[in-house]
C-alpha cells in the first residue's frame, strides 16, 4: 500500500466515523422528540442524506419494522430508499403519512365528550 492509498483510506475512515456519529446524534434527538422525522425528511440534512428511510422511521419511539412497513407501503416508498434520493412528491407523501398517523392517534386518545342525560 502506498502512502497516497493509506492517506486516502484514513481520510475515508474519518469521514465515515463523522457521519456515523452525526447519525447517532440525530437518531437520539428524534427519539427524544427534539426533532421530528418530517422535518428531517423535508430539510434533508447532510447526515441523513444517505440514510435509509426505514432507519429514520424506526428511530422514533414506538416505531418498529412493522409500523414502518405499513406506512411506507401506503405511500409506495421502499424501506431501503435513501433520504437524499426521495423526490419532492415522495417527501410530501411521507410527511403527510406521518401527519395522518399523528392525527389518528390524537383522535383515539382524545377524551370522550359524550354527556349523559340525567
C-alpha atoms as a PDB file:
ATOM      1  CA  UNK A   1       0.000   0.000   0.000  1.00  0.00           C
ATOM      2  CA  UNK A   2       1.406   3.391  -0.941  1.00  0.00           C
ATOM      3  CA  UNK A   3       1.283   6.470   1.245  1.00  0.00           C
ATOM      4  CA  UNK A   4      -1.326   8.004  -1.071  1.00  0.00           C
ATOM      5  CA  UNK A   5      -3.596   4.980  -0.608  1.00  0.00           C
ATOM      6  CA  UNK A   6      -3.028   4.987   3.151  1.00  0.00           C
ATOM      7  CA  UNK A   7      -3.822   8.703   3.362  1.00  0.00           C
ATOM      8  CA  UNK A   8      -6.912   8.249   1.264  1.00  0.00           C
ATOM      9  CA  UNK A   9      -8.074   5.318   3.420  1.00  0.00           C
ATOM     10  CA  UNK A  10      -7.520   7.322   6.598  1.00  0.00           C
ATOM     11  CA  UNK A  11      -9.490  10.244   5.183  1.00  0.00           C
ATOM     12  CA  UNK A  12     -12.363   7.905   4.194  1.00  0.00           C
ATOM     13  CA  UNK A  13     -12.388   6.332   7.660  1.00  0.00           C
ATOM     14  CA  UNK A  14     -12.522   9.750   9.321  1.00  0.00           C
ATOM     15  CA  UNK A  15     -15.434  10.796   7.101  1.00  0.00           C
ATOM     16  CA  UNK A  16     -17.324   7.542   7.761  1.00  0.00           C
ATOM     17  CA  UNK A  17     -16.829   7.965  11.509  1.00  0.00           C
ATOM     18  CA  UNK A  18     -18.025  11.583  11.352  1.00  0.00           C
ATOM     19  CA  UNK A  19     -21.199  10.533   9.503  1.00  0.00           C
ATOM     20  CA  UNK A  20     -21.819   7.615  11.888  1.00  0.00           C
ATOM     21  CA  UNK A  21     -21.524   9.845  14.955  1.00  0.00           C
ATOM     22  CA  UNK A  22     -23.750  12.549  13.431  1.00  0.00           C
ATOM     23  CA  UNK A  23     -26.416   9.972  12.542  1.00  0.00           C
ATOM     24  CA  UNK A  24     -26.350   8.525  16.043  1.00  0.00           C
ATOM     25  CA  UNK A  25     -26.876  12.015  17.459  1.00  0.00           C
ATOM     26  CA  UNK A  26     -29.726  12.673  15.005  1.00  0.00           C
ATOM     27  CA  UNK A  27     -31.405   9.388  16.000  1.00  0.00           C
ATOM     28  CA  UNK A  28     -31.076  10.288  19.690  1.00  0.00           C
ATOM     29  CA  UNK A  29     -32.661  13.700  19.058  1.00  0.00           C
ATOM     30  CA  UNK A  30     -35.534  12.103  17.113  1.00  0.00           C
ATOM     31  CA  UNK A  31     -36.097   9.543  19.866  1.00  0.00           C
ATOM     32  CA  UNK A  32     -36.132  12.308  22.484  1.00  0.00           C
ATOM     33  CA  UNK A  33     -38.685  14.276  20.452  1.00  0.00           C
ATOM     34  CA  UNK A  34     -36.364  17.244  19.894  1.00  0.00           C
ATOM     35  CA  UNK A  35     -36.515  16.778  16.104  1.00  0.00           C
ATOM     36  CA  UNK A  36     -39.372  15.376  14.037  1.00  0.00           C
ATOM     37  CA  UNK A  37     -38.888  12.868  11.254  1.00  0.00           C
ATOM     38  CA  UNK A  38     -40.975  15.102   8.996  1.00  0.00           C
ATOM     39  CA  UNK A  39     -38.527  17.964   9.498  1.00  0.00           C
ATOM     40  CA  UNK A  40     -35.596  15.688   8.646  1.00  0.00           C
ATOM     41  CA  UNK A  41     -37.340  14.360   5.533  1.00  0.00           C
ATOM     42  CA  UNK A  42     -38.173  17.857   4.291  1.00  0.00           C
ATOM     43  CA  UNK A  43     -34.833  19.514   5.090  1.00  0.00           C
ATOM     44  CA  UNK A  44     -32.574  16.504   4.397  1.00  0.00           C
ATOM     45  CA  UNK A  45     -29.513  17.472   6.483  1.00  0.00           C
ATOM     46  CA  UNK A  46     -26.120  16.146   5.341  1.00  0.00           C
ATOM     47  CA  UNK A  47     -26.039  13.402   7.990  1.00  0.00           C
ATOM     48  CA  UNK A  48     -29.369  11.977   6.785  1.00  0.00           C
ATOM     49  CA  UNK A  49     -28.683  12.266   3.049  1.00  0.00           C
ATOM     50  CA  UNK A  50     -27.532   8.646   2.602  1.00  0.00           C
ATOM     51  CA  UNK A  51     -29.607   7.260   5.482  1.00  0.00           C
ATOM     52  CA  UNK A  52     -32.351   4.753   4.660  1.00  0.00           C
ATOM     53  CA  UNK A  53     -35.960   5.823   5.228  1.00  0.00           C
ATOM     54  CA  UNK A  54     -36.625   2.707   7.319  1.00  0.00           C
ATOM     55  CA  UNK A  55     -33.750   3.528   9.686  1.00  0.00           C
ATOM     56  CA  UNK A  56     -35.024   7.058  10.120  1.00  0.00           C
ATOM     57  CA  UNK A  57     -38.589   5.967  10.871  1.00  0.00           C
ATOM     58  CA  UNK A  58     -37.579   3.250  13.337  1.00  0.00           C
ATOM     59  CA  UNK A  59     -35.512   5.737  15.327  1.00  0.00           C
ATOM     60  CA  UNK A  60     -38.792   7.193  16.651  1.00  0.00           C
ATOM     61  CA  UNK A  61     -40.282   5.934  19.896  1.00  0.00           C
ATOM     62  CA  UNK A  62     -42.758   3.080  19.432  1.00  0.00           C
ATOM     63  CA  UNK A  63     -41.871   2.646  15.742  1.00  0.00           C
ATOM     64  CA  UNK A  64     -40.786  -0.858  14.796  1.00  0.00           C
ATOM     65  CA  UNK A  65     -40.303  -2.612  11.482  1.00  0.00           C
ATOM     66  CA  UNK A  66     -43.979  -3.473  11.007  1.00  0.00           C
ATOM     67  CA  UNK A  67     -45.297   0.045  11.626  1.00  0.00           C
ATOM     68  CA  UNK A  68     -42.611   1.400   9.325  1.00  0.00           C
ATOM     69  CA  UNK A  69     -43.526  -1.100   6.572  1.00  0.00           C
ATOM     70  CA  UNK A  70     -47.222  -0.268   6.813  1.00  0.00           C
ATOM     71  CA  UNK A  71     -46.610   3.454   6.335  1.00  0.00           C
ATOM     72  CA  UNK A  72     -44.078   3.004   3.534  1.00  0.00           C
ATOM     73  CA  UNK A  73     -46.351   0.556   1.701  1.00  0.00           C
ATOM     74  CA  UNK A  74     -49.178   3.079   1.896  1.00  0.00           C
ATOM     75  CA  UNK A  75     -47.026   5.854   0.378  1.00  0.00           C
ATOM     76  CA  UNK A  76     -45.234   3.483  -2.078  1.00  0.00           C
ATOM     77  CA  UNK A  77     -41.670   4.114  -0.872  1.00  0.00           C
ATOM     78  CA  UNK A  78     -39.221   1.226  -0.382  1.00  0.00           C
ATOM     79  CA  UNK A  79     -37.718   0.821   3.104  1.00  0.00           C
ATOM     80  CA  UNK A  80     -34.162   0.954   1.794  1.00  0.00           C
ATOM     81  CA  UNK A  81     -34.605   4.173  -0.205  1.00  0.00           C
ATOM     82  CA  UNK A  82     -32.115   6.845   0.853  1.00  0.00           C
ATOM     83  CA  UNK A  83     -33.496  10.116   2.215  1.00  0.00           C
ATOM     84  CA  UNK A  84     -31.387  12.149  -0.211  1.00  0.00           C
ATOM     85  CA  UNK A  85     -32.846  10.376  -3.250  1.00  0.00           C
ATOM     86  CA  UNK A  86     -36.507  10.976  -2.386  1.00  0.00           C
ATOM     87  CA  UNK A  87     -38.401  13.083  -4.892  1.00  0.00           C
ATOM     88  CA  UNK A  88     -40.414  16.090  -3.757  1.00  0.00           C
ATOM     89  CA  UNK A  89     -43.637  14.102  -4.242  1.00  0.00           C
ATOM     90  CA  UNK A  90     -42.283  11.262  -2.086  1.00  0.00           C
ATOM     91  CA  UNK A  91     -41.170  13.682   0.642  1.00  0.00           C
ATOM     92  CA  UNK A  92     -44.621  15.254   0.772  1.00  0.00           C
ATOM     93  CA  UNK A  93     -46.387  11.865   0.722  1.00  0.00           C
ATOM     94  CA  UNK A  94     -44.191  10.613   3.572  1.00  0.00           C
ATOM     95  CA  UNK A  95     -44.690  13.705   5.737  1.00  0.00           C
ATOM     96  CA  UNK A  96     -48.447  13.614   5.043  1.00  0.00           C
ATOM     97  CA  UNK A  97     -48.484   9.938   6.030  1.00  0.00           C
ATOM     98  CA  UNK A  98     -46.675  10.761   9.260  1.00  0.00           C
ATOM     99  CA  UNK A  99     -49.081  13.633   9.958  1.00  0.00           C
ATOM    100  CA  UNK A 100     -52.044  11.338   9.283  1.00  0.00           C
ATOM    101  CA  UNK A 101     -50.734   8.845  11.843  1.00  0.00           C
ATOM    102  CA  UNK A 102     -50.436  11.640  14.415  1.00  0.00           C
ATOM    103  CA  UNK A 103     -53.997  12.813  13.683  1.00  0.00           C
ATOM    104  CA  UNK A 104     -55.345   9.246  14.029  1.00  0.00           C
ATOM    105  CA  UNK A 105     -53.535   8.880  17.345  1.00  0.00           C
ATOM    106  CA  UNK A 106     -54.945  12.206  18.602  1.00  0.00           C
ATOM    107  CA  UNK A 107     -58.486  11.136  17.701  1.00  0.00           C
ATOM    108  CA  UNK A 108     -58.276   7.815  19.514  1.00  0.00           C
ATOM    109  CA  UNK A 109     -56.638   9.226  22.631  1.00  0.00           C
ATOM    110  CA  UNK A 110     -58.939  12.260  22.974  1.00  0.00           C
ATOM    111  CA  UNK A 111     -61.336  12.090  25.914  1.00  0.00           C
ATOM    112  CA  UNK A 112     -64.937  11.416  25.098  1.00  0.00           C
ATOM    113  CA  UNK A 113     -67.268  14.413  25.078  1.00  0.00           C
ATOM    114  CA  UNK A 114     -70.463  12.388  25.405  1.00  0.00           C
ATOM    115  CA  UNK A 115     -72.756  13.738  28.115  1.00  0.00           C
ATOM    116  CA  UNK A 116     -75.299  11.601  29.789  1.00  0.00           C
ATOM    117  CA  UNK A 117     -78.774  12.958  30.347  1.00  0.00           C
ATOM    118  CA  UNK A 118     -79.964  12.871  33.926  1.00  0.00           C
END
